[in-house]
Amino acid sequence: MNPFKFGTIVEDDFFTDRVKELEEVKQKLDSENHLVLISPRRFGKSSLIQKALIQMGRPSLTIDMMNVLSVNSFASILLKEIFRLYPFEKIRHMMTHFRIVPTISTTPIGDSVEVSFNPSMDENVVLEDAMALLEKVTTPDNRLIVVLDEFQEVTEISKNFDRQLRAIMQRQKGLNYVFLGSQESMMTDIFEKKKSPFYHFGQRMTLSKIPYDDFYCFLSERLTGVDEDEKSIIVSQILEFTNVHPYYTQQLASIVYDMIKYHSIKQNVVREAIDAILRSHDLDFERLWASMNRTDRRILLDLARQKKTTAGRYVPTSTVYSSLQRLAKKGYLIKSDTYEIEDPFFCQWILKGNS
């Protein structure tokens, strides 16, 4: 089996390092406090939390806020997740005091539940009733953990939705909330601004890239079929190209492994793997590039070529700043000490098309 995994939750032997971060997450959730975990997309937040939940052995449910379209939608997804965790009849009994009863249906074989509310119903009541179930199902010996992924979306779903949630959550006991976010500036506004309803509501934790040496060892242990000297070169080339980005490192290593094991390619194997990935995503990158305005393209090309932008020579500095913020918000850029293109393959595609 290919020892590298990307694109889904990374578990078991596929999980890379994060020993210190894993222990920190478990310590924070072993209290009455809530956790705010921030990092760029594809850095492994969800995998880290999933690993912690498995090791802690506590019940948990996860809601991706990107899938929430309204307050009623949030309540429906929440109830569906509760039904997934606990016996159907037990939850139905707990819902007898609901002021607004949802429509509940099951599949013919009863392996899943669908929940919906009439859109015209009072959203405040719907949300309060649904959230009240969380306290009813949690127990002192087996406290529930509720994970809200891409939580920065809370401000876009409905006016005052964040205030509604905070008013309910602050009264709840016996459960932990985990707020995951990929937009650092938006998450900072939500949890650090004094006027925000969620000001200092949870303990903040930032997930950085996996240290180079740790990732080097991880790749070296799993990359078989080549001698040690050649392996050292291959691993170094992988990490140099991906800049130690967790997702893209696993992706490139996976393709390299397949080429060595199944296609007997050993000469310039990293270059061959990069070219194969570029070919498979060529149309996607072309469509993405075509959708961008000229300022965005100029900035991305500058960053691809020299790791900094000189677009300010051609357009107002305020325009450049707005473009950088917009590209970062959409996930095309990562901001640390400076801005960098999030996807190293897209970066390489830009360079090839403008060489």
Protein backbone atom coordinates (compact mmCIF):
# COMPACT_ATOMS: atom_id res chain seq x y z
CA MET A 1 0.00 0.00 0.00
CA ASN A 2 1.16 3.50 -0.81
CA PRO A 3 2.39 4.89 2.54
CA PHE A 4 1.42 8.48 1.74
CA LYS A 5 -2.09 9.92 1.92
CA PHE A 6 -3.63 13.25 0.97
CA GLY A 7 -7.04 14.73 0.17
CA THR A 8 -8.88 13.16 3.13
CA ILE A 9 -8.50 12.92 6.90
CA VAL A 10 -5.05 11.48 7.60
CA GLU A 11 -5.12 8.76 10.27
CA ASP A 12 -3.05 5.95 11.79
CA ASP A 13 0.35 5.43 10.16
CA PHE A 14 -0.36 8.13 7.56
CA PHE A 15 -0.41 10.76 10.30
CA THR A 16 2.82 12.77 10.36
CA ASP A 17 4.47 13.79 13.63
CA ARG A 18 2.47 16.53 15.45
CA VAL A 19 3.32 14.84 18.77
CA LYS A 20 3.59 18.10 20.70
CA GLU A 21 0.49 19.61 19.11
CA LEU A 22 -1.51 16.42 19.70
CA GLU A 23 -0.74 16.47 23.42
CA GLU A 24 -1.58 20.17 23.63
CA VAL A 25 -4.98 19.61 22.01
CA LYS A 26 -5.81 16.77 24.40
CA GLN A 27 -4.74 18.79 27.43
CA LYS A 28 -6.93 21.72 26.45
CA LEU A 29 -9.96 19.49 25.82
CA ASP A 30 -9.42 17.72 29.12
CA SER A 31 -10.75 20.84 30.83
CA GLU A 32 -13.90 22.93 30.71
CA ASN A 33 -12.28 25.26 28.18
CA HIS A 34 -12.88 25.52 24.46
CA LEU A 35 -10.22 25.41 21.72
CA VAL A 36 -9.61 27.79 18.82
CA LEU A 37 -7.28 26.16 16.26
CA ILE A 38 -6.06 28.30 13.36
CA SER A 39 -3.91 27.44 10.34
CA PRO A 40 -4.02 27.78 6.55
CA ARG A 41 -6.09 25.22 4.65
CA ARG A 42 -4.55 21.78 4.17
CA PHE A 43 -2.15 22.11 7.10
CA GLY A 44 -3.81 19.16 8.85
CA LYS A 45 -6.14 20.79 11.42
CA SER A 46 -8.94 18.28 10.86
CA SER A 47 -6.54 15.32 10.92
CA LEU A 48 -4.96 16.55 14.16
CA ILE A 49 -8.33 16.98 15.87
CA GLN A 50 -9.56 13.61 14.59
CA LYS A 51 -6.43 11.93 15.97
CA ALA A 52 -6.96 13.61 19.35
CA LEU A 53 -10.64 12.60 19.47
CA ILE A 54 -9.79 8.97 18.72
CA GLN A 55 -7.16 8.86 21.44
CA MET A 56 -9.44 10.55 23.97
CA GLY A 57 -12.31 8.19 23.19
CA ARG A 58 -15.00 10.79 23.79
CA PRO A 59 -18.12 11.25 21.64
CA SER A 60 -17.82 14.02 19.08
CA LEU A 61 -19.64 15.59 16.17
CA THR A 62 -18.34 17.85 13.43
CA ILE A 63 -20.09 20.54 11.41
CA ASP A 64 -18.40 22.11 8.40
CA MET A 65 -19.63 25.71 8.47
CA MET A 66 -18.99 25.95 4.72
CA ASN A 67 -22.02 23.67 4.29
CA VAL A 68 -24.28 25.81 6.49
CA LEU A 69 -26.58 28.04 4.43
CA SER A 70 -28.82 29.45 7.17
CA VAL A 71 -29.59 29.21 10.89
CA ASN A 72 -32.18 26.53 10.18
CA SER A 73 -29.62 24.71 8.06
CA PHE A 74 -27.19 24.72 11.00
CA ALA A 75 -29.86 23.32 13.32
CA SER A 76 -30.74 20.58 10.81
CA ILE A 77 -27.12 19.50 10.36
CA LEU A 78 -26.58 19.56 14.12
CA LEU A 79 -29.59 17.31 14.77
CA LYS A 80 -28.52 14.94 12.00
CA GLU A 81 -25.10 14.59 13.63
CA ILE A 82 -26.69 13.97 17.04
CA PHE A 83 -28.86 11.23 15.52
CA ARG A 84 -25.69 9.70 14.06
CA LEU A 85 -24.13 9.48 17.52
CA TYR A 86 -27.01 8.36 19.69
CA PRO A 87 -29.96 5.92 19.42
CA PHE A 88 -32.83 7.26 17.34
CA GLU A 89 -35.56 6.63 19.90
CA LYS A 90 -33.52 8.20 22.70
CA ILE A 91 -33.13 11.45 20.77
CA ARG A 92 -36.77 11.47 19.64
CA HIS A 93 -37.80 11.23 23.29
CA MET A 94 -35.54 14.15 24.19
CA MET A 95 -37.16 16.23 21.44
CA THR A 96 -40.66 16.02 22.89
CA HIS A 97 -40.25 19.51 24.37
CA PHE A 98 -39.22 21.12 21.09
CA ARG A 99 -41.33 24.19 20.43
CA ILE A 100 -40.89 23.70 16.68
CA VAL A 101 -40.81 20.07 15.59
CA PRO A 102 -38.60 19.30 12.56
CA THR A 103 -39.43 16.91 9.75
CA ILE A 104 -37.47 13.70 10.29
CA SER A 105 -37.13 10.93 7.74
CA THR A 106 -34.99 7.80 7.49
CA THR A 107 -33.75 5.73 4.59
CA PRO A 108 -35.59 2.43 3.91
CA ILE A 109 -32.89 0.45 5.73
CA GLY A 110 -32.67 3.04 8.49
CA ASP A 111 -28.94 3.71 8.24
CA SER A 112 -29.24 7.50 8.03
CA VAL A 113 -31.54 10.30 9.15
CA GLU A 114 -32.55 13.48 7.34
CA VAL A 115 -33.74 16.49 9.34
CA SER A 116 -35.32 19.69 8.06
CA PHE A 117 -37.20 22.72 9.37
CA ASN A 118 -39.79 24.83 7.64
CA PRO A 119 -37.89 27.95 6.44
CA SER A 120 -40.68 30.19 7.74
CA MET A 121 -40.19 29.05 11.35
CA ASP A 122 -38.61 31.30 13.97
CA GLU A 123 -34.86 30.76 13.64
CA ASN A 124 -34.12 31.73 17.24
CA VAL A 125 -36.44 29.06 18.60
CA VAL A 126 -35.14 26.42 16.16
CA LEU A 127 -31.54 27.13 17.13
CA GLU A 128 -32.20 27.19 20.88
CA ASP A 129 -34.07 23.88 20.80
CA ALA A 130 -31.41 22.15 18.69
CA MET A 131 -28.51 23.44 20.79
CA ALA A 132 -30.28 22.44 24.01
CA LEU A 133 -29.98 18.80 22.93
CA LEU A 134 -26.20 18.98 23.26
CA GLU A 135 -26.43 19.40 27.02
CA LYS A 136 -29.00 16.62 27.25
CA VAL A 137 -26.87 14.01 25.50
CA THR A 138 -23.53 14.83 27.16
CA THR A 139 -22.60 13.20 30.47
CA PRO A 140 -19.97 14.04 33.12
CA ASP A 141 -18.11 10.79 32.42
CA ASN A 142 -18.30 11.04 28.63
CA ARG A 143 -18.38 14.70 27.72
CA LEU A 144 -19.32 15.60 24.18
CA ILE A 145 -16.92 17.50 21.90
CA VAL A 146 -18.44 19.68 19.17
CA VAL A 147 -16.12 20.63 16.29
CA LEU A 148 -17.07 23.60 14.13
CA ASP A 149 -14.84 23.63 11.04
CA GLU A 150 -14.17 26.79 8.97
CA PHE A 151 -15.77 28.75 11.78
CA GLN A 152 -14.94 32.13 10.21
CA GLU A 153 -18.00 31.50 8.01
CA VAL A 154 -20.25 32.19 11.03
CA THR A 155 -20.29 35.90 10.22
CA GLU A 156 -21.53 35.27 6.66
CA ILE A 157 -24.41 32.89 7.38
CA SER A 158 -26.94 35.23 8.95
CA LYS A 159 -27.00 38.58 10.70
CA ASN A 160 -26.38 38.18 14.45
CA PHE A 161 -25.91 34.40 14.10
CA ASP A 162 -22.62 34.69 15.98
CA ARG A 163 -24.40 36.50 18.83
CA GLN A 164 -27.11 33.86 18.93
CA LEU A 165 -24.57 31.05 19.17
CA ARG A 166 -22.47 32.78 21.80
CA ALA A 167 -25.51 33.53 23.98
CA ILE A 168 -26.42 29.83 23.99
CA MET A 169 -22.89 28.42 24.30
CA GLN A 170 -21.91 30.56 27.29
CA ARG A 171 -24.68 28.96 29.36
CA GLN A 172 -23.84 25.37 28.43
CA LYS A 173 -21.90 23.03 30.68
CA GLY A 174 -20.30 19.62 30.31
CA LEU A 175 -19.06 19.86 26.72
CA ASN A 176 -16.19 21.32 24.73
CA TYR A 177 -16.28 23.31 21.52
CA VAL A 178 -13.45 23.24 18.99
CA PHE A 179 -13.40 26.13 16.52
CA LEU A 180 -11.28 25.46 13.43
CA GLY A 181 -10.44 28.28 11.03
CA SER A 182 -8.26 28.78 7.96
CA GLN A 183 -8.57 32.57 7.70
CA GLU A 184 -6.30 33.93 10.42
CA SER A 185 -7.40 37.56 10.11
CA MET A 186 -11.09 36.68 10.28
CA MET A 187 -10.60 34.23 13.16
CA THR A 188 -8.55 36.85 15.00
CA ASP A 189 -11.37 39.36 14.59
CA ILE A 190 -13.88 36.83 15.92
CA PHE A 191 -11.91 35.77 19.00
CA GLU A 192 -9.65 38.76 19.77
CA LYS A 193 -11.74 41.88 19.13
CA LYS A 194 -13.45 43.08 22.30
CA LYS A 195 -16.67 43.94 20.48
CA SER A 196 -16.96 40.42 19.04
CA PRO A 197 -19.45 38.06 20.77
CA PHE A 198 -16.75 35.36 20.86
CA TYR A 199 -14.04 37.56 22.38
CA HIS A 200 -11.63 35.25 24.27
CA PHE A 201 -14.20 32.45 24.23
CA GLY A 202 -11.57 29.72 23.72
CA GLN A 203 -7.88 29.03 24.10
CA ARG A 204 -6.10 29.93 20.89
CA MET A 205 -3.65 27.57 19.19
CA THR A 206 -1.90 28.10 15.85
CA LEU A 207 -0.81 25.15 13.72
CA SER A 208 2.39 25.74 11.76
CA LYS A 209 4.11 23.63 9.14
CA ILE A 210 5.63 20.34 10.27
CA PRO A 211 9.34 20.88 11.08
CA TYR A 212 11.65 20.01 8.19
CA ASP A 213 13.63 17.35 10.07
CA ASP A 214 10.49 15.59 11.28
CA PHE A 215 9.01 15.48 7.78
CA TYR A 216 12.36 14.35 6.37
CA CYS A 217 12.38 11.35 8.74
CA PHE A 218 8.74 10.56 7.96
CA LEU A 219 9.39 10.48 4.20
CA SER A 220 12.66 8.56 4.51
CA GLU A 221 11.11 5.80 6.60
CA ARG A 222 8.31 5.22 4.08
CA LEU A 223 10.07 5.72 0.77
CA THR A 224 11.32 2.26 -0.19
CA GLY A 225 12.88 0.81 -3.31
CA VAL A 226 15.89 3.14 -3.54
CA ASP A 227 19.29 3.14 -1.86
CA GLU A 228 19.97 5.50 1.00
CA ASP A 229 22.03 8.06 -0.92
CA GLU A 230 19.44 8.32 -3.67
CA LYS A 231 16.64 8.44 -1.12
CA SER A 232 18.26 11.39 0.61
CA ILE A 233 18.33 13.34 -2.66
CA ILE A 234 14.70 12.48 -3.48
CA VAL A 235 13.38 13.44 -0.03
CA SER A 236 15.29 16.72 -0.08
CA GLN A 237 13.93 17.54 -3.55
CA ILE A 238 10.35 16.83 -2.42
CA LEU A 239 10.60 19.07 0.63
CA GLU A 240 12.34 21.83 -1.30
CA PHE A 241 9.62 21.89 -3.94
CA THR A 242 6.68 21.81 -1.51
CA ASN A 243 8.32 24.12 1.04
CA VAL A 244 7.30 21.52 3.64
CA HIS A 245 3.58 22.12 3.08
CA PRO A 246 1.87 19.09 4.73
CA TYR A 247 -0.73 18.38 2.03
CA TYR A 248 1.43 18.88 -1.05
CA THR A 249 4.36 17.01 0.49
CA GLN A 250 2.15 13.95 0.96
CA GLN A 251 0.74 14.37 -2.55
CA LEU A 252 4.13 14.60 -4.26
CA ALA A 253 5.61 11.80 -2.14
CA SER A 254 2.65 9.58 -3.07
CA ILE A 255 3.22 10.05 -6.81
CA VAL A 256 6.99 9.57 -6.42
CA TYR A 257 6.37 6.31 -4.55
CA ASP A 258 4.07 5.01 -7.30
CA MET A 259 6.57 5.90 -10.02
CA ILE A 260 9.38 4.07 -8.24
CA LYS A 261 7.34 1.02 -7.27
CA TYR A 262 5.10 0.51 -10.30
CA HIS A 263 6.91 2.24 -13.16
CA SER A 264 10.53 1.63 -12.14
CA ILE A 265 11.37 5.31 -12.65
CA LYS A 266 14.43 6.29 -10.64
CA GLN A 267 16.09 8.98 -12.73
CA ASN A 268 14.72 12.44 -12.08
CA VAL A 269 11.71 10.83 -10.40
CA VAL A 270 10.68 13.98 -8.49
CA ARG A 271 10.73 16.03 -11.68
CA GLU A 272 8.68 13.33 -13.43
CA ALA A 273 6.15 13.31 -10.58
CA ILE A 274 5.83 17.10 -10.63
CA ASP A 275 5.26 17.09 -14.40
CA ALA A 276 2.61 14.35 -14.05
CA ILE A 277 0.70 16.38 -11.46
CA LEU A 278 0.96 19.53 -13.58
CA ARG A 279 -0.47 17.68 -16.59
CA SER A 280 -3.39 16.33 -14.54
CA HIS A 281 -4.28 19.81 -13.24
CA ASP A 282 -3.46 21.84 -16.33
CA LEU A 283 -7.08 22.58 -17.25
CA ASP A 284 -7.99 23.46 -13.64
CA PHE A 285 -5.08 25.88 -13.38
CA GLU A 286 -5.92 27.40 -16.77
CA ARG A 287 -9.51 28.08 -15.69
CA LEU A 288 -8.33 29.52 -12.39
CA TRP A 289 -5.83 31.82 -14.11
CA ALA A 290 -8.47 32.98 -16.61
CA SER A 291 -10.83 33.92 -13.75
CA MET A 292 -8.32 36.33 -12.19
CA ASN A 293 -7.86 40.01 -12.98
CA ARG A 294 -4.55 41.39 -14.23
CA THR A 295 -3.43 42.71 -10.85
CA ASP A 296 -3.94 39.32 -9.21
CA ARG A 297 -2.01 37.65 -12.04
CA ARG A 298 0.86 40.14 -11.78
CA ILE A 299 1.11 39.60 -8.03
CA LEU A 300 1.08 35.81 -8.35
CA LEU A 301 3.71 35.91 -11.07
CA ASP A 302 5.94 38.14 -8.91
CA LEU A 303 5.58 35.80 -5.96
CA ALA A 304 6.29 32.76 -8.14
CA ARG A 305 9.45 34.34 -9.57
CA GLN A 306 10.98 36.19 -6.65
CA LYS A 307 8.88 35.51 -3.54
CA LYS A 308 7.82 39.15 -3.35
CA THR A 309 5.59 41.46 -5.34
CA THR A 310 6.62 44.57 -7.26
CA ALA A 311 3.10 45.25 -8.57
CA GLY A 312 3.12 48.52 -6.63
CA ARG A 313 5.20 50.01 -9.42
CA TYR A 314 2.27 49.61 -11.81
CA VAL A 315 -0.87 49.99 -9.66
CA PRO A 316 -1.68 51.86 -6.41
CA THR A 317 -0.31 50.30 -3.24
CA SER A 318 -3.84 50.13 -1.81
CA THR A 319 -4.90 48.05 -4.81
CA VAL A 320 -1.99 45.66 -4.27
CA TYR A 321 -2.85 45.32 -0.58
CA SER A 322 -6.51 44.61 -1.36
CA SER A 323 -5.49 42.03 -3.96
CA LEU A 324 -3.14 40.26 -1.53
CA GLN A 325 -5.86 40.13 1.11
CA ARG A 326 -8.41 38.83 -1.40
CA LEU A 327 -6.06 36.14 -2.71
CA ALA A 328 -5.25 35.07 0.85
CA LYS A 329 -8.93 34.96 1.81
CA LYS A 330 -9.66 32.72 -1.18
CA GLY A 331 -6.82 30.42 -0.15
CA TYR A 332 -4.46 31.11 -3.05
CA LEU A 333 -1.87 32.73 -0.76
CA ILE A 334 -0.51 31.90 2.69
CA LYS A 335 0.59 34.75 4.92
CA SER A 336 3.30 34.16 7.48
CA ASP A 337 6.24 36.58 7.63
CA THR A 338 5.45 37.30 4.00
CA TYR A 339 3.01 36.04 1.37
CA GLU A 340 3.61 32.80 -0.51
CA ILE A 341 1.58 30.91 -3.10
CA GLU A 342 -0.30 28.16 -1.27
CA ASP A 343 -0.12 25.52 -4.03
CA PRO A 344 3.46 24.84 -5.22
CA PHE A 345 2.11 23.08 -8.33
CA PHE A 346 0.07 26.15 -9.30
CA CYS A 347 3.20 28.20 -8.65
CA GLN A 348 5.18 25.95 -11.01
CA TRP A 349 2.39 26.12 -13.62
CA ILE A 350 2.53 29.94 -13.51
CA LEU A 351 6.30 29.88 -14.01
CA LYS A 352 6.08 27.47 -16.96
CA GLY A 353 3.46 29.60 -18.67
CA ASN A 354 5.40 32.83 -18.21
CA SER A 355 8.99 31.73 -18.74
